[in-house]
C-alpha atoms as a PDB file:
ATOM      1  CA  MET A   1      -4.251 -38.185   4.578  1.00  0.00           C
ATOM      2  CA  LYS A   2      -6.301 -37.397   1.467  1.00  0.00           C
ATOM      3  CA  ALA A   3      -8.419 -34.942   3.463  1.00  0.00           C
ATOM      4  CA  ARG A   4      -5.323 -33.028   4.600  1.00  0.00           C
ATOM      5  CA  LEU A   5      -4.016 -32.899   1.045  1.00  0.00           C
ATOM      6  CA  SER A   6      -7.377 -31.630  -0.217  1.00  0.00           C
ATOM      7  CA  ILE A   7      -7.524 -28.931   2.454  1.00  0.00           C
ATOM      8  CA  ALA A   8      -3.948 -27.868   1.734  1.00  0.00           C
ATOM      9  CA  THR A   9      -4.744 -27.657  -1.982  1.00  0.00           C
ATOM     10  CA  LEU A  10      -7.862 -25.599  -1.276  1.00  0.00           C
ATOM     11  CA  VAL A  11      -5.982 -23.171   0.971  1.00  0.00           C
ATOM     12  CA  ALA A  12      -3.194 -22.778  -1.594  1.00  0.00           C
ATOM     13  CA  GLY A  13      -5.756 -22.083  -4.315  1.00  0.00           C
ATOM     14  CA  LEU A  14      -7.535 -19.472  -2.213  1.00  0.00           C
ATOM     15  CA  LEU A  15      -4.277 -17.716  -1.388  1.00  0.00           C
ATOM     16  CA  ALA A  16      -3.242 -17.659  -5.035  1.00  0.00           C
ATOM     17  CA  SER A  17      -6.593 -16.254  -6.143  1.00  0.00           C
ATOM     18  CA  SER A  18      -6.581 -13.574  -3.434  1.00  0.00           C
ATOM     19  CA  ALA A  19      -3.158 -12.423  -4.640  1.00  0.00           C
ATOM     20  CA  ALA A  20      -4.627 -11.844  -8.087  1.00  0.00           C
ATOM     21  CA  TRP A  21      -7.204  -9.473  -6.581  1.00  0.00           C
ATOM     22  CA  ALA A  22      -4.435  -7.468  -4.907  1.00  0.00           C
ATOM     23  CA  ALA A  23      -3.529  -5.604  -8.073  1.00  0.00           C
ATOM     24  CA  VAL A  24      -4.770  -2.783 -10.277  1.00  0.00           C
ATOM     25  CA  THR A  25      -4.524  -3.251 -14.039  1.00  0.00           C
ATOM     26  CA  VAL A  26      -5.145  -0.356 -16.427  1.00  0.00           C
ATOM     27  CA  ARG A  27      -4.782   0.153 -20.161  1.00  0.00           C
ATOM     28  CA  TYR A  28      -3.024   3.297 -21.345  1.00  0.00           C
ATOM     29  CA  TYR A  29      -2.083   5.243 -24.439  1.00  0.00           C
ATOM     30  CA  ASN A  30       1.002   7.420 -23.966  1.00  0.00           C
ATOM     31  CA  ARG A  31       0.873  10.151 -26.613  1.00  0.00           C
ATOM     32  CA  ASP A  32       4.174  11.651 -25.455  1.00  0.00           C
ATOM     33  CA  SER A  33       7.544  10.726 -26.898  1.00  0.00           C
ATOM     34  CA  ARG A  34       9.036  10.030 -23.480  1.00  0.00           C
ATOM     35  CA  ASP A  35       8.742   7.363 -20.809  1.00  0.00           C
ATOM     36  CA  TYR A  36       7.204   8.223 -17.457  1.00  0.00           C
ATOM     37  CA  THR A  37       7.877   6.625 -14.088  1.00  0.00           C
ATOM     38  CA  TRP A  38       5.652   7.782 -11.253  1.00  0.00           C
ATOM     39  CA  THR A  39       5.071   6.762  -7.648  1.00  0.00           C
ATOM     40  CA  ALA A  40       1.957   4.729  -6.904  1.00  0.00           C
ATOM     41  CA  VAL A  41       0.530   4.234  -3.417  1.00  0.00           C
ATOM     42  CA  CYS A  42      -1.724   1.221  -2.841  1.00  0.00           C
ATOM     43  CA  SER A  43      -3.002   0.698   0.730  1.00  0.00           C
ATOM     44  CA  GLY A  44      -0.127   2.768   2.086  1.00  0.00           C
ATOM     45  CA  VAL A  45       2.544   0.809   0.195  1.00  0.00           C
ATOM     46  CA  ARG A  46       4.680   2.841  -2.205  1.00  0.00           C
ATOM     47  CA  THR A  47       5.839   1.439  -5.523  1.00  0.00           C
ATOM     48  CA  THR A  48       6.769   2.808  -8.924  1.00  0.00           C
ATOM     49  CA  VAL A  49       4.874   2.398 -12.158  1.00  0.00           C
ATOM     50  CA  SER A  50       6.301   3.025 -15.634  1.00  0.00           C
ATOM     51  CA  PHE A  51       4.521   3.992 -18.832  1.00  0.00           C
ATOM     52  CA  GLY A  52       6.421   3.490 -22.097  1.00  0.00           C
ATOM     53  CA  LYS A  53       6.690   6.273 -24.655  1.00  0.00           C
ATOM     54  CA  SER A  54       4.410   6.519 -27.702  1.00  0.00           C
ATOM     55  CA  GLN A  55       2.600   3.254 -27.099  1.00  0.00           C
ATOM     56  CA  THR A  56      -0.637   1.602 -26.111  1.00  0.00           C
ATOM     57  CA  ALA A  57      -0.235  -1.072 -23.451  1.00  0.00           C
ATOM     58  CA  SER A  58      -1.492  -2.389 -20.127  1.00  0.00           C
ATOM     59  CA  VAL A  59       0.247  -2.039 -16.806  1.00  0.00           C
ATOM     60  CA  THR A  60      -0.401  -3.851 -13.530  1.00  0.00           C
ATOM     61  CA  ILE A  61       0.301  -2.178 -10.203  1.00  0.00           C
ATOM     62  CA  GLN A  62       0.705  -4.648  -7.338  1.00  0.00           C
ATOM     63  CA  GLY A  63      -1.272  -3.760  -4.235  1.00  0.00           C
ATOM     64  CA  ALA A  64      -4.797  -3.495  -2.912  1.00  0.00           C
ATOM     65  CA  ARG A  65      -7.280  -1.133  -4.531  1.00  0.00           C
ATOM     66  CA  PRO A  66      -7.568   1.798  -4.867  1.00  0.00           C
ATOM     67  CA  CYS A  67      -4.136   3.015  -5.967  1.00  0.00           C
ATOM     68  CA  THR A  68      -3.099   6.642  -6.241  1.00  0.00           C
ATOM     69  CA  ILE A  69      -0.518   7.629  -8.856  1.00  0.00           C
ATOM     70  CA  GLN A  70       1.382  10.754  -7.888  1.00  0.00           C
ATOM     71  CA  THR A  71       2.306  12.847 -10.935  1.00  0.00           C
ATOM     72  CA  ASP A  72       3.605  16.382 -11.361  1.00  0.00           C
ATOM     73  CA  GLY A  73       0.138  17.292 -12.673  1.00  0.00           C
ATOM     74  CA  GLY A  74      -1.645  15.947  -9.574  1.00  0.00           C
ATOM     75  CA  ASN A  75      -2.803  12.671  -8.094  1.00  0.00           C
ATOM     76  CA  VAL A  76      -4.893  10.139 -10.018  1.00  0.00           C
ATOM     77  CA  VAL A  77      -6.912   7.479  -8.176  1.00  0.00           C
ATOM     78  CA  LEU A  78      -7.293   4.122  -9.940  1.00  0.00           C
ATOM     79  CA  LYS A  79      -9.581   1.226  -9.020  1.00  0.00           C
ATOM     80  CA  GLY A  80      -8.641  -1.026 -11.940  1.00  0.00           C
ATOM     81  CA  GLY A  81      -9.963  -1.445 -15.450  1.00  0.00           C
ATOM     82  CA  GLU A  82      -9.627   2.210 -16.434  1.00  0.00           C
ATOM     83  CA  ASP A  83      -8.439   3.438 -19.820  1.00  0.00           C
ATOM     84  CA  LEU A  84      -5.815   6.154 -19.428  1.00  0.00           C
ATOM     85  CA  ASP A  85      -4.627   8.775 -21.859  1.00  0.00           C
ATOM     86  CA  ILE A  86      -1.216  10.318 -21.148  1.00  0.00           C
ATOM     87  CA  LYS A  87      -0.485  13.634 -22.825  1.00  0.00           C
ATOM     88  CA  ASP A  88       1.866  16.460 -21.863  1.00  0.00           C
ATOM     89  CA  GLY A  89       2.875  14.575 -18.718  1.00  0.00           C
ATOM     90  CA  ARG A  90      -0.683  14.320 -17.399  1.00  0.00           C
ATOM     91  CA  ILE A  91      -2.912  11.288 -16.908  1.00  0.00           C
ATOM     92  CA  ILE A  92      -6.494  11.598 -18.114  1.00  0.00           C
ATOM     93  CA  VAL A  93      -8.962   8.870 -17.114  1.00  0.00           C
ATOM     94  CA  LYS A  94     -11.321   8.214 -20.043  1.00  0.00           C
END
């Protein structure tokens, strides 16, 4: 019985840790005085990502790497850990 419980705990821990890898987190500075919400595609799954106005923050996009953010200024590919600068509606990867 203890062996089954240990195996179940191990499997649950592995599943929880693999879910943490299925995300892209980036830090951004939005220099514009407006919020932006763009479409992000991670492994073929579409989601939206929002960047708050006039602030520095981090945002996490759920999904497997890499993720592509589709903006009016073009697509930006993110692998995670990037620093972004948003100005005039465009994303610049530093």
